[in-house]
C-alpha atoms as a PDB file:
ATOM      1  CA  MET A   1     -63.992 -70.979  45.953  1.00  0.00           C
ATOM      2  CA  TYR A   2     -63.182 -71.042  49.684  1.00  0.00           C
ATOM      3  CA  ILE A   3     -60.217 -69.105  51.107  1.00  0.00           C
ATOM      4  CA  LEU A   4     -58.876 -69.791  54.596  1.00  0.00           C
ATOM      5  CA  GLY A   5     -57.523 -66.699  56.356  1.00  0.00           C
ATOM      6  CA  ILE A   6     -55.038 -66.770  59.266  1.00  0.00           C
ATOM      7  CA  GLU A   7     -54.158 -63.763  61.445  1.00  0.00           C
ATOM      8  CA  THR A   8     -51.376 -63.936  64.080  1.00  0.00           C
ATOM      9  CA  SER A   9     -49.640 -60.559  63.890  1.00  0.00           C
ATOM     10  CA  CYS A  10     -49.839 -59.654  67.582  1.00  0.00           C
ATOM     11  CA  ASP A  11     -52.033 -60.809  70.477  1.00  0.00           C
ATOM     12  CA  GLU A  12     -55.101 -62.215  68.717  1.00  0.00           C
ATOM     13  CA  THR A  13     -55.399 -65.510  66.884  1.00  0.00           C
ATOM     14  CA  GLY A  14     -57.950 -65.153  64.090  1.00  0.00           C
ATOM     15  CA  VAL A  15     -59.151 -67.602  61.451  1.00  0.00           C
ATOM     16  CA  ALA A  16     -61.884 -67.253  58.846  1.00  0.00           C
ATOM     17  CA  ILE A  17     -63.249 -68.711  55.637  1.00  0.00           C
ATOM     18  CA  TYR A  18     -64.317 -66.463  52.760  1.00  0.00           C
ATOM     19  CA  HIS A  19     -66.284 -67.661  49.727  1.00  0.00           C
ATOM     20  CA  SER A  20     -65.827 -66.025  46.348  1.00  0.00           C
ATOM     21  CA  GLU A  21     -69.589 -65.729  45.730  1.00  0.00           C
ATOM     22  CA  ASN A  22     -71.247 -65.940  49.156  1.00  0.00           C
ATOM     23  CA  GLY A  23     -68.840 -63.771  51.107  1.00  0.00           C
ATOM     24  CA  LEU A  24     -67.750 -64.469  54.665  1.00  0.00           C
ATOM     25  CA  VAL A  25     -68.699 -67.982  55.711  1.00  0.00           C
ATOM     26  CA  HIS A  26     -67.475 -68.069  59.310  1.00  0.00           C
ATOM     27  CA  HIS A  27     -64.748 -66.647  61.530  1.00  0.00           C
ATOM     28  CA  LEU A  28     -63.300 -67.334  64.983  1.00  0.00           C
ATOM     29  CA  LEU A  29     -61.109 -65.178  67.195  1.00  0.00           C
ATOM     30  CA  TYR A  30     -59.135 -65.919  70.322  1.00  0.00           C
ATOM     31  CA  SER A  31     -57.839 -62.917  72.282  1.00  0.00           C
ATOM     32  CA  GLN A  32     -54.800 -63.003  74.555  1.00  0.00           C
ATOM     33  CA  ILE A  33     -55.798 -59.875  76.507  1.00  0.00           C
ATOM     34  CA  GLU A  34     -56.342 -61.725  79.768  1.00  0.00           C
ATOM     35  CA  MET A  35     -52.903 -63.318  79.598  1.00  0.00           C
ATOM     36  CA  HIS A  36     -51.039 -60.082  78.780  1.00  0.00           C
ATOM     37  CA  SER A  37     -52.990 -57.923  81.250  1.00  0.00           C
ATOM     38  CA  GLU A  38     -50.871 -59.362  84.075  1.00  0.00           C
ATOM     39  CA  TYR A  39     -47.824 -57.695  82.505  1.00  0.00           C
ATOM     40  CA  GLY A  40     -49.460 -54.417  81.469  1.00  0.00           C
ATOM     41  CA  GLY A  41     -48.854 -55.016  77.757  1.00  0.00           C
ATOM     42  CA  VAL A  42     -48.110 -57.590  75.088  1.00  0.00           C
ATOM     43  CA  VAL A  43     -45.198 -59.935  75.837  1.00  0.00           C
ATOM     44  CA  PRO A  44     -44.001 -61.071  72.365  1.00  0.00           C
ATOM     45  CA  GLU A  45     -42.661 -64.472  73.418  1.00  0.00           C
ATOM     46  CA  LEU A  46     -45.858 -65.373  75.272  1.00  0.00           C
ATOM     47  CA  ALA A  47     -47.917 -64.182  72.320  1.00  0.00           C
ATOM     48  CA  SER A  48     -46.009 -66.466  69.935  1.00  0.00           C
ATOM     49  CA  ARG A  49     -46.371 -69.491  72.199  1.00  0.00           C
ATOM     50  CA  ASP A  50     -50.098 -68.914  72.619  1.00  0.00           C
ATOM     51  CA  HIS A  51     -50.574 -68.688  68.843  1.00  0.00           C
ATOM     52  CA  ILE A  52     -48.869 -72.083  68.559  1.00  0.00           C
ATOM     53  CA  ARG A  53     -51.277 -73.583  71.089  1.00  0.00           C
ATOM     54  CA  LYS A  54     -54.452 -72.063  69.669  1.00  0.00           C
ATOM     55  CA  LEU A  55     -54.069 -71.833  65.878  1.00  0.00           C
ATOM     56  CA  ILE A  56     -54.527 -75.434  64.697  1.00  0.00           C
ATOM     57  CA  PRO A  57     -57.422 -76.138  67.116  1.00  0.00           C
ATOM     58  CA  LEU A  58     -59.117 -72.972  65.847  1.00  0.00           C
ATOM     59  CA  VAL A  59     -58.690 -74.051  62.210  1.00  0.00           C
ATOM     60  CA  LYS A  60     -60.212 -77.447  63.019  1.00  0.00           C
ATOM     61  CA  GLN A  61     -63.111 -75.797  64.856  1.00  0.00           C
ATOM     62  CA  LEU A  62     -63.629 -73.352  61.980  1.00  0.00           C
ATOM     63  CA  LEU A  63     -63.897 -76.128  59.395  1.00  0.00           C
ATOM     64  CA  LEU A  64     -66.221 -78.147  61.617  1.00  0.00           C
ATOM     65  CA  GLU A  65     -68.580 -75.248  62.323  1.00  0.00           C
ATOM     66  CA  SER A  66     -68.553 -74.263  58.626  1.00  0.00           C
ATOM     67  CA  ASN A  67     -69.468 -77.821  57.545  1.00  0.00           C
ATOM     68  CA  LEU A  68     -66.375 -77.870  55.360  1.00  0.00           C
ATOM     69  CA  THR A  69     -63.254 -80.014  55.065  1.00  0.00           C
ATOM     70  CA  LYS A  70     -59.725 -79.370  53.856  1.00  0.00           C
ATOM     71  CA  LEU A  71     -60.863 -80.568  50.420  1.00  0.00           C
ATOM     72  CA  ASN A  72     -63.044 -77.449  50.092  1.00  0.00           C
ATOM     73  CA  ILE A  73     -60.190 -74.985  50.650  1.00  0.00           C
ATOM     74  CA  ALA A  74     -58.780 -73.518  47.425  1.00  0.00           C
ATOM     75  CA  ALA A  75     -56.084 -71.308  48.988  1.00  0.00           C
ATOM     76  CA  ILE A  76     -54.710 -70.180  52.342  1.00  0.00           C
ATOM     77  CA  ALA A  77     -54.013 -66.547  53.189  1.00  0.00           C
ATOM     78  CA  TYR A  78     -51.985 -65.434  56.198  1.00  0.00           C
ATOM     79  CA  THR A  79     -50.692 -62.203  57.700  1.00  0.00           C
ATOM     80  CA  ALA A  80     -47.052 -61.853  56.640  1.00  0.00           C
ATOM     81  CA  GLY A  81     -46.499 -58.460  58.297  1.00  0.00           C
ATOM     82  CA  PRO A  82     -46.131 -56.011  59.803  1.00  0.00           C
ATOM     83  CA  GLY A  83     -46.274 -57.293  63.377  1.00  0.00           C
ATOM     84  CA  LEU A  84     -44.339 -59.218  66.009  1.00  0.00           C
ATOM     85  CA  MET A  85     -41.794 -61.436  64.267  1.00  0.00           C
ATOM     86  CA  GLY A  86     -42.403 -64.516  66.389  1.00  0.00           C
ATOM     87  CA  ALA A  87     -46.166 -64.250  66.076  1.00  0.00           C
ATOM     88  CA  LEU A  88     -45.921 -63.733  62.316  1.00  0.00           C
ATOM     89  CA  LEU A  89     -43.710 -66.801  61.953  1.00  0.00           C
ATOM     90  CA  VAL A  90     -46.328 -68.969  63.647  1.00  0.00           C
ATOM     91  CA  GLY A  91     -48.950 -67.931  61.109  1.00  0.00           C
ATOM     92  CA  ALA A  92     -46.556 -68.173  58.173  1.00  0.00           C
ATOM     93  CA  ALA A  93     -45.247 -71.620  59.101  1.00  0.00           C
ATOM     94  CA  THR A  94     -48.737 -72.955  59.784  1.00  0.00           C
ATOM     95  CA  ALA A  95     -50.127 -71.564  56.539  1.00  0.00           C
ATOM     96  CA  GLN A  96     -47.258 -72.977  54.504  1.00  0.00           C
ATOM     97  CA  SER A  97     -47.496 -76.372  56.219  1.00  0.00           C
ATOM     98  CA  LEU A  98     -51.232 -76.664  55.656  1.00  0.00           C
ATOM     99  CA  ALA A  99     -50.886 -75.467  52.062  1.00  0.00           C
ATOM    100  CA  PHE A 100     -48.193 -78.080  51.397  1.00  0.00           C
ATOM    101  CA  ALA A 101     -50.239 -80.849  53.008  1.00  0.00           C
ATOM    102  CA  TRP A 102     -53.472 -79.846  51.291  1.00  0.00           C
ATOM    103  CA  GLN A 103     -51.726 -79.031  47.979  1.00  0.00           C
ATOM    104  CA  VAL A 104     -53.212 -75.548  47.639  1.00  0.00           C
ATOM    105  CA  PRO A 105     -51.614 -72.125  46.994  1.00  0.00           C
ATOM    106  CA  VAL A 106     -50.673 -69.788  49.825  1.00  0.00           C
ATOM    107  CA  VAL A 107     -51.028 -65.979  49.815  1.00  0.00           C
ATOM    108  CA  ALA A 108     -49.059 -63.532  51.993  1.00  0.00           C
ATOM    109  CA  VAL A 109     -51.209 -60.597  53.138  1.00  0.00           C
ATOM    110  CA  HIS A 110     -50.167 -57.184  54.411  1.00  0.00           C
ATOM    111  CA  HIS A 111     -51.825 -56.635  57.785  1.00  0.00           C
ATOM    112  CA  MET A 112     -52.827 -53.026  57.110  1.00  0.00           C
ATOM    113  CA  GLU A 113     -54.240 -53.923  53.706  1.00  0.00           C
ATOM    114  CA  GLY A 114     -56.446 -56.364  55.565  1.00  0.00           C
ATOM    115  CA  HIS A 115     -57.685 -53.548  57.804  1.00  0.00           C
ATOM    116  CA  LEU A 116     -58.124 -51.231  54.825  1.00  0.00           C
ATOM    117  CA  LEU A 117     -60.319 -53.759  53.022  1.00  0.00           C
ATOM    118  CA  ALA A 118     -62.295 -54.845  56.112  1.00  0.00           C
ATOM    119  CA  PRO A 119     -65.281 -52.570  55.280  1.00  0.00           C
ATOM    120  CA  MET A 120     -65.658 -54.559  52.043  1.00  0.00           C
ATOM    121  CA  LEU A 121     -67.064 -57.373  54.196  1.00  0.00           C
ATOM    122  CA  GLU A 122     -70.135 -55.288  55.019  1.00  0.00           C
ATOM    123  CA  LYS A 123     -73.462 -55.429  53.161  1.00  0.00           C
ATOM    124  CA  ASN A 124     -72.962 -51.863  51.943  1.00  0.00           C
ATOM    125  CA  PRO A 125     -69.264 -51.667  51.020  1.00  0.00           C
ATOM    126  CA  PRO A 126     -67.557 -48.494  49.759  1.00  0.00           C
ATOM    127  CA  SER A 127     -66.708 -48.039  46.088  1.00  0.00           C
ATOM    128  CA  PHE A 128     -63.275 -47.115  44.771  1.00  0.00           C
ATOM    129  CA  PRO A 129     -61.710 -44.587  44.831  1.00  0.00           C
ATOM    130  CA  PHE A 130     -61.737 -43.368  48.423  1.00  0.00           C
ATOM    131  CA  VAL A 131     -59.513 -41.977  51.163  1.00  0.00           C
ATOM    132  CA  ALA A 132     -58.698 -44.417  53.960  1.00  0.00           C
ATOM    133  CA  LEU A 133     -57.729 -43.526  57.517  1.00  0.00           C
ATOM    134  CA  LEU A 134     -55.983 -46.489  59.146  1.00  0.00           C
ATOM    135  CA  ILE A 135     -55.640 -46.076  62.911  1.00  0.00           C
ATOM    136  CA  SER A 136     -54.283 -48.786  65.164  1.00  0.00           C
ATOM    137  CA  GLY A 137     -51.778 -49.407  67.928  1.00  0.00           C
ATOM    138  CA  GLY A 138     -48.897 -49.351  65.487  1.00  0.00           C
ATOM    139  CA  HIS A 139     -50.099 -47.236  62.564  1.00  0.00           C
ATOM    140  CA  THR A 140     -51.701 -43.916  61.672  1.00  0.00           C
ATOM    141  CA  LEU A 141     -52.001 -43.637  57.911  1.00  0.00           C
ATOM    142  CA  LEU A 142     -53.950 -41.577  55.399  1.00  0.00           C
ATOM    143  CA  VAL A 143     -54.079 -43.376  52.053  1.00  0.00           C
ATOM    144  CA  LYS A 144     -55.701 -42.659  48.696  1.00  0.00           C
ATOM    145  CA  VAL A 145     -57.141 -45.955  47.505  1.00  0.00           C
ATOM    146  CA  SER A 146     -57.869 -46.310  43.797  1.00  0.00           C
ATOM    147  CA  GLY A 147     -58.336 -50.084  43.912  1.00  0.00           C
ATOM    148  CA  VAL A 148     -56.922 -53.218  45.496  1.00  0.00           C
ATOM    149  CA  GLY A 149     -53.153 -52.763  45.528  1.00  0.00           C
ATOM    150  CA  LYS A 150     -53.412 -49.194  44.219  1.00  0.00           C
ATOM    151  CA  TYR A 151     -52.408 -47.112  47.231  1.00  0.00           C
ATOM    152  CA  GLU A 152     -50.935 -43.637  47.535  1.00  0.00           C
ATOM    153  CA  LEU A 153     -49.672 -42.641  50.973  1.00  0.00           C
ATOM    154  CA  LEU A 154     -50.931 -39.161  51.837  1.00  0.00           C
ATOM    155  CA  GLY A 155     -49.828 -38.837  55.443  1.00  0.00           C
ATOM    156  CA  GLU A 156     -48.607 -40.769  58.469  1.00  0.00           C
ATOM    157  CA  SER A 157     -47.588 -40.298  62.081  1.00  0.00           C
ATOM    158  CA  LEU A 158     -44.086 -38.924  62.589  1.00  0.00           C
ATOM    159  CA  ASP A 159     -43.864 -40.480  66.057  1.00  0.00           C
ATOM    160  CA  ASP A 160     -46.445 -42.376  68.126  1.00  0.00           C
ATOM    161  CA  ALA A 161     -49.324 -44.052  66.314  1.00  0.00           C
ATOM    162  CA  VAL A 162     -52.709 -42.937  67.599  1.00  0.00           C
ATOM    163  CA  GLY A 163     -53.379 -46.246  69.363  1.00  0.00           C
ATOM    164  CA  GLU A 164     -49.935 -46.128  70.946  1.00  0.00           C
ATOM    165  CA  ALA A 165     -50.645 -42.604  72.195  1.00  0.00           C
ATOM    166  CA  PHE A 166     -53.916 -43.803  73.720  1.00  0.00           C
ATOM    167  CA  ASP A 167     -52.144 -46.668  75.488  1.00  0.00           C
ATOM    168  CA  LYS A 168     -49.274 -44.542  76.808  1.00  0.00           C
ATOM    169  CA  THR A 169     -51.631 -41.826  78.057  1.00  0.00           C
ATOM    170  CA  ALA A 170     -53.742 -44.459  79.776  1.00  0.00           C
ATOM    171  CA  LYS A 171     -50.650 -45.855  81.459  1.00  0.00           C
ATOM    172  CA  LEU A 172     -49.572 -42.475  82.824  1.00  0.00           C
ATOM    173  CA  LEU A 173     -53.092 -42.115  84.265  1.00  0.00           C
ATOM    174  CA  GLY A 174     -52.620 -45.446  86.018  1.00  0.00           C
ATOM    175  CA  LEU A 175     -55.146 -47.355  83.910  1.00  0.00           C
ATOM    176  CA  SER A 176     -54.829 -51.090  83.338  1.00  0.00           C
ATOM    177  CA  TYR A 177     -54.260 -52.957  80.063  1.00  0.00           C
ATOM    178  CA  PRO A 178     -55.664 -52.593  77.412  1.00  0.00           C
ATOM    179  CA  GLY A 179     -55.077 -48.922  78.056  1.00  0.00           C
ATOM    180  CA  GLY A 180     -56.783 -47.368  75.033  1.00  0.00           C
ATOM    181  CA  VAL A 181     -60.071 -49.085  75.782  1.00  0.00           C
ATOM    182  CA  LYS A 182     -59.871 -48.175  79.478  1.00  0.00           C
ATOM    183  CA  LEU A 183     -59.148 -44.535  78.641  1.00  0.00           C
ATOM    184  CA  SER A 184     -62.182 -44.334  76.349  1.00  0.00           C
ATOM    185  CA  GLU A 185     -64.364 -45.863  79.041  1.00  0.00           C
ATOM    186  CA  LEU A 186     -63.058 -43.368  81.606  1.00  0.00           C
ATOM    187  CA  ALA A 187     -63.635 -40.433  79.226  1.00  0.00           C
ATOM    188  CA  GLN A 188     -67.374 -41.123  79.371  1.00  0.00           C
ATOM    189  CA  PHE A 189     -67.348 -39.751  82.925  1.00  0.00           C
ATOM    190  CA  GLY A 190     -65.245 -36.721  82.067  1.00  0.00           C
ATOM    191  CA  GLN A 191     -66.320 -33.093  82.112  1.00  0.00           C
ATOM    192  CA  ILE A 192     -65.226 -30.440  79.629  1.00  0.00           C
ATOM    193  CA  ARG A 193     -62.570 -28.789  81.752  1.00  0.00           C
ATOM    194  CA  PHE A 194     -59.310 -28.955  79.834  1.00  0.00           C
ATOM    195  CA  ARG A 195     -58.535 -28.148  76.210  1.00  0.00           C
ATOM    196  CA  PHE A 196     -55.610 -29.975  74.690  1.00  0.00           C
ATOM    197  CA  PRO A 197     -53.808 -28.835  71.509  1.00  0.00           C
ATOM    198  CA  ARG A 198     -54.681 -30.283  68.093  1.00  0.00           C
ATOM    199  CA  PRO A 199     -51.127 -31.127  66.995  1.00  0.00           C
ATOM    200  CA  MET A 200     -49.863 -30.192  63.521  1.00  0.00           C
ATOM    201  CA  THR A 201     -53.228 -28.791  62.435  1.00  0.00           C
ATOM    202  CA  ASP A 202     -51.907 -25.231  62.249  1.00  0.00           C
ATOM    203  CA  ARG A 203     -49.572 -26.109  59.390  1.00  0.00           C
ATOM    204  CA  ALA A 204     -50.030 -27.528  55.917  1.00  0.00           C
ATOM    205  CA  GLY A 205     -49.717 -31.224  55.268  1.00  0.00           C
ATOM    206  CA  LEU A 206     -51.345 -34.500  56.198  1.00  0.00           C
ATOM    207  CA  ASP A 207     -48.821 -35.979  58.633  1.00  0.00           C
ATOM    208  CA  PHE A 208     -49.632 -36.575  62.296  1.00  0.00           C
ATOM    209  CA  SER A 209     -47.784 -36.237  65.601  1.00  0.00           C
ATOM    210  CA  PHE A 210     -49.200 -37.438  68.909  1.00  0.00           C
ATOM    211  CA  SER A 211     -46.154 -37.559  71.205  1.00  0.00           C
ATOM    212  CA  GLY A 212     -46.603 -33.908  72.216  1.00  0.00           C
ATOM    213  CA  LEU A 213     -50.255 -34.530  73.033  1.00  0.00           C
ATOM    214  CA  LYS A 214     -49.211 -37.375  75.310  1.00  0.00           C
ATOM    215  CA  THR A 215     -46.713 -35.055  77.056  1.00  0.00           C
ATOM    216  CA  PHE A 216     -49.399 -32.380  77.454  1.00  0.00           C
ATOM    217  CA  ALA A 217     -51.629 -34.965  79.141  1.00  0.00           C
ATOM    218  CA  LEU A 218     -48.805 -35.933  81.497  1.00  0.00           C
ATOM    219  CA  THR A 219     -48.104 -32.316  82.438  1.00  0.00           C
ATOM    220  CA  THR A 220     -51.792 -31.642  83.051  1.00  0.00           C
ATOM    221  CA  PHE A 221     -52.064 -34.747  85.212  1.00  0.00           C
ATOM    222  CA  GLN A 222     -49.004 -33.831  87.279  1.00  0.00           C
ATOM    223  CA  LYS A 223     -50.482 -30.401  88.003  1.00  0.00           C
ATOM    224  CA  SER A 224     -53.841 -31.863  89.048  1.00  0.00           C
ATOM    225  CA  ASP A 225     -54.928 -33.402  92.363  1.00  0.00           C
ATOM    226  CA  LYS A 226     -54.893 -36.803  90.611  1.00  0.00           C
ATOM    227  CA  THR A 227     -58.457 -37.589  91.638  1.00  0.00           C
ATOM    228  CA  TYR A 228     -60.739 -39.917  89.681  1.00  0.00           C
ATOM    229  CA  GLN A 229     -62.519 -36.892  88.208  1.00  0.00           C
ATOM    230  CA  ASP A 230     -59.202 -35.324  87.200  1.00  0.00           C
ATOM    231  CA  LYS A 231     -58.302 -38.520  85.338  1.00  0.00           C
ATOM    232  CA  ALA A 232     -61.708 -38.658  83.637  1.00  0.00           C
ATOM    233  CA  ASP A 233     -61.476 -35.004  82.572  1.00  0.00           C
ATOM    234  CA  ILE A 234     -57.990 -35.507  81.171  1.00  0.00           C
ATOM    235  CA  ALA A 235     -59.095 -38.658  79.353  1.00  0.00           C
ATOM    236  CA  LEU A 236     -61.974 -36.752  77.763  1.00  0.00           C
ATOM    237  CA  ALA A 237     -59.759 -33.831  76.729  1.00  0.00           C
ATOM    238  CA  PHE A 238     -57.184 -36.192  75.236  1.00  0.00           C
ATOM    239  CA  GLN A 239     -59.773 -38.198  73.303  1.00  0.00           C
ATOM    240  CA  ASP A 240     -61.472 -35.067  71.975  1.00  0.00           C
ATOM    241  CA  ALA A 241     -58.115 -33.670  70.824  1.00  0.00           C
ATOM    242  CA  VAL A 242     -57.295 -36.888  68.957  1.00  0.00           C
ATOM    243  CA  ALA A 243     -60.734 -37.064  67.344  1.00  0.00           C
ATOM    244  CA  ASP A 244     -60.614 -33.417  66.229  1.00  0.00           C
ATOM    245  CA  THR A 245     -57.087 -33.808  64.874  1.00  0.00           C
ATOM    246  CA  LEU A 246     -58.069 -36.848  62.833  1.00  0.00           C
ATOM    247  CA  ALA A 247     -61.143 -35.034  61.495  1.00  0.00           C
ATOM    248  CA  ILE A 248     -59.125 -31.969  60.452  1.00  0.00           C
ATOM    249  CA  LYS A 249     -56.552 -34.077  58.619  1.00  0.00           C
ATOM    250  CA  CYS A 250     -59.189 -36.240  56.955  1.00  0.00           C
ATOM    251  CA  ARG A 251     -61.056 -33.169  55.713  1.00  0.00           C
ATOM    252  CA  ARG A 252     -57.831 -31.889  54.183  1.00  0.00           C
ATOM    253  CA  ALA A 253     -57.173 -35.246  52.542  1.00  0.00           C
ATOM    254  CA  LEU A 254     -60.646 -35.324  51.002  1.00  0.00           C
ATOM    255  CA  GLN A 255     -60.323 -31.769  49.737  1.00  0.00           C
ATOM    256  CA  GLN A 256     -56.825 -32.411  48.403  1.00  0.00           C
ATOM    257  CA  THR A 257     -57.891 -35.510  46.464  1.00  0.00           C
ATOM    258  CA  GLY A 258     -61.317 -34.230  45.468  1.00  0.00           C
ATOM    259  CA  LEU A 259     -62.919 -37.393  46.849  1.00  0.00           C
ATOM    260  CA  LYS A 260     -66.092 -37.618  48.941  1.00  0.00           C
ATOM    261  CA  THR A 261     -65.699 -41.050  50.507  1.00  0.00           C
ATOM    262  CA  LEU A 262     -63.752 -41.849  53.669  1.00  0.00           C
ATOM    263  CA  VAL A 263     -63.045 -45.352  54.976  1.00  0.00           C
ATOM    264  CA  VAL A 264     -61.903 -45.627  58.591  1.00  0.00           C
ATOM    265  CA  ALA A 265     -60.436 -48.906  59.818  1.00  0.00           C
ATOM    266  CA  GLY A 266     -58.046 -50.400  62.368  1.00  0.00           C
ATOM    267  CA  GLY A 267     -58.435 -51.065  66.082  1.00  0.00           C
ATOM    268  CA  VAL A 268     -58.885 -47.408  67.086  1.00  0.00           C
ATOM    269  CA  SER A 269     -61.734 -47.024  64.568  1.00  0.00           C
ATOM    270  CA  ALA A 270     -63.967 -48.747  67.144  1.00  0.00           C
ATOM    271  CA  ASN A 271     -63.682 -45.663  69.375  1.00  0.00           C
ATOM    272  CA  THR A 272     -67.172 -44.160  69.654  1.00  0.00           C
ATOM    273  CA  GLN A 273     -66.082 -40.527  69.931  1.00  0.00           C
ATOM    274  CA  ILE A 274     -63.780 -40.783  66.928  1.00  0.00           C
ATOM    275  CA  ARG A 275     -66.575 -42.351  64.885  1.00  0.00           C
ATOM    276  CA  LEU A 276     -69.008 -39.604  65.896  1.00  0.00           C
ATOM    277  CA  THR A 277     -66.563 -36.760  65.164  1.00  0.00           C
ATOM    278  CA  LEU A 278     -65.582 -38.149  61.749  1.00  0.00           C
ATOM    279  CA  THR A 279     -69.195 -38.865  60.812  1.00  0.00           C
ATOM    280  CA  LYS A 280     -70.199 -35.276  61.588  1.00  0.00           C
ATOM    281  CA  MET A 281     -67.281 -34.003  59.519  1.00  0.00           C
ATOM    282  CA  LEU A 282     -68.335 -36.098  56.514  1.00  0.00           C
ATOM    283  CA  GLU A 283     -71.893 -34.848  56.844  1.00  0.00           C
ATOM    284  CA  SER A 284     -70.633 -31.267  56.692  1.00  0.00           C
ATOM    285  CA  GLU A 285     -68.666 -32.192  53.546  1.00  0.00           C
ATOM    286  CA  ASN A 286     -71.679 -33.958  51.973  1.00  0.00           C
ATOM    287  CA  GLY A 287     -69.607 -37.111  51.820  1.00  0.00           C
ATOM    288  CA  GLN A 288     -69.898 -40.744  52.853  1.00  0.00           C
ATOM    289  CA  ILE A 289     -68.068 -42.557  55.617  1.00  0.00           C
ATOM    290  CA  PHE A 290     -67.606 -46.307  56.061  1.00  0.00           C
ATOM    291  CA  PHE A 291     -66.477 -48.290  59.091  1.00  0.00           C
ATOM    292  CA  PRO A 292     -66.069 -52.031  59.576  1.00  0.00           C
ATOM    293  CA  ARG A 293     -68.303 -53.557  62.244  1.00  0.00           C
ATOM    294  CA  PRO A 294     -66.638 -53.324  65.688  1.00  0.00           C
ATOM    295  CA  GLU A 295     -65.582 -56.992  65.708  1.00  0.00           C
ATOM    296  CA  PHE A 296     -63.639 -56.386  62.477  1.00  0.00           C
ATOM    297  CA  CYS A 297     -61.905 -53.238  63.746  1.00  0.00           C
ATOM    298  CA  THR A 298     -59.484 -55.267  65.833  1.00  0.00           C
ATOM    299  CA  ASP A 299     -57.235 -57.917  64.289  1.00  0.00           C
ATOM    300  CA  ASN A 300     -59.250 -60.772  62.778  1.00  0.00           C
ATOM    301  CA  GLY A 301     -59.031 -63.586  60.246  1.00  0.00           C
ATOM    302  CA  ALA A 302     -61.961 -62.362  58.153  1.00  0.00           C
ATOM    303  CA  MET A 303     -60.118 -59.342  56.767  1.00  0.00           C
ATOM    304  CA  ILE A 304     -57.096 -61.535  55.953  1.00  0.00           C
ATOM    305  CA  ALA A 305     -59.264 -64.080  54.150  1.00  0.00           C
ATOM    306  CA  TYR A 306     -60.870 -61.316  52.062  1.00  0.00           C
ATOM    307  CA  ALA A 307     -57.598 -59.539  51.275  1.00  0.00           C
ATOM    308  CA  GLY A 308     -56.046 -62.912  50.476  1.00  0.00           C
ATOM    309  CA  TYR A 309     -58.839 -63.691  48.057  1.00  0.00           C
ATOM    310  CA  GLN A 310     -58.272 -60.392  46.261  1.00  0.00           C
ATOM    311  CA  ARG A 311     -54.542 -61.066  46.007  1.00  0.00           C
ATOM    312  CA  PHE A 312     -55.235 -64.618  44.855  1.00  0.00           C
ATOM    313  CA  LEU A 313     -57.300 -63.208  41.980  1.00  0.00           C
ATOM    314  CA  MET A 314     -54.238 -61.145  41.069  1.00  0.00           C
ATOM    315  CA  LYS A 315     -52.211 -64.395  41.028  1.00  0.00           C
ATOM    316  CA  GLU A 316     -49.964 -63.238  43.852  1.00  0.00           C
ATOM    317  CA  THR A 317     -49.179 -66.561  45.491  1.00  0.00           C
ATOM    318  CA  GLN A 318     -46.072 -67.577  47.454  1.00  0.00           C
ATOM    319  CA  ASN A 319     -43.601 -70.402  47.023  1.00  0.00           C
ATOM    320  CA  LEU A 320     -42.684 -72.649  49.970  1.00  0.00           C
ATOM    321  CA  GLU A 321     -40.381 -70.033  51.492  1.00  0.00           C
ATOM    322  CA  ILE A 322     -41.458 -68.760  54.915  1.00  0.00           C
ATOM    323  CA  PHE A 323     -42.212 -65.071  54.336  1.00  0.00           C
ATOM    324  CA  ALA A 324     -42.654 -62.765  57.343  1.00  0.00           C
ATOM    325  CA  ARG A 325     -41.811 -59.068  57.671  1.00  0.00           C
ATOM    326  CA  PRO A 326     -42.178 -57.321  61.041  1.00  0.00           C
ATOM    327  CA  ARG A 327     -41.693 -54.000  59.237  1.00  0.00           C
ATOM    328  CA  TRP A 328     -43.460 -53.641  55.911  1.00  0.00           C
ATOM    329  CA  ALA A 329     -44.530 -50.315  54.443  1.00  0.00           C
ATOM    330  CA  MET A 330     -47.735 -50.239  52.431  1.00  0.00           C
ATOM    331  CA  SER A 331     -45.898 -48.227  49.815  1.00  0.00           C
ATOM    332  CA  GLU A 332     -44.031 -51.441  48.935  1.00  0.00           C
ATOM    333  CA  LEU A 333     -47.201 -53.241  47.885  1.00  0.00           C
END
């Protein structure tokens, strides 16, 4: 059984084909970073228009390179939310149109569930149950995962998501888009000179807050000489504070649930320092940690195809109604 996955939630157009027995067959990804970099961030209208231009050609290329035709596709999965409404509608309308033309079922997938299940695409996938840390530009979530669709929210950000905090801090340092990536690159040249607070780690609970950390970075920068080295040192201090905060909260979540397995996914999970800090923490807890490969940390069609296949097995298919939700809590799944 072949499942076609479509991802258009923000600024990347992703398509993939997953096979029920052989796993991931092929995937393609087109990034809009170059287009949006001129504006210093994602422009929703431009993102939607670019998805329209790129999606169908990518699907055709995917089928061709996979040596498959539309007759091989048993179902189509697409990202229904959360994300930019216009971008989501492109994926939803395309998925529904293809499904109607090809006479196959269509499956609406939650974007963060796709990220959560992305490590299942690896050769050594985690086993249920586990704790998942989902960190991206729009989300910071700690979730107890007992199985597909069996999620218990343990903690979330009360303000900025971790990726958003990275981007905003990068912007105040004068770094170009994509800010989070540029900040991490700059931090490699930083020296241990500043120590930033580890927000909300001195109180009980598993929620996060990163807006204060961003303000602390701004204040430190304003007091500095604003040299390249100042920026690098601040970037390092900020990144270390985020990584330590995530590790402290994840340790609490593991201890609270009694679990020994942590899955880390989402765009920010590609950050090298965060991976290193969390890996060391799991080693100290005699636990296991799982990450998706870097190409599956960012938005991609492969995770949507896999999540769609799992939902298809649960007989969760859509009718012909266009279903897209820019805001969609995982607790509603």
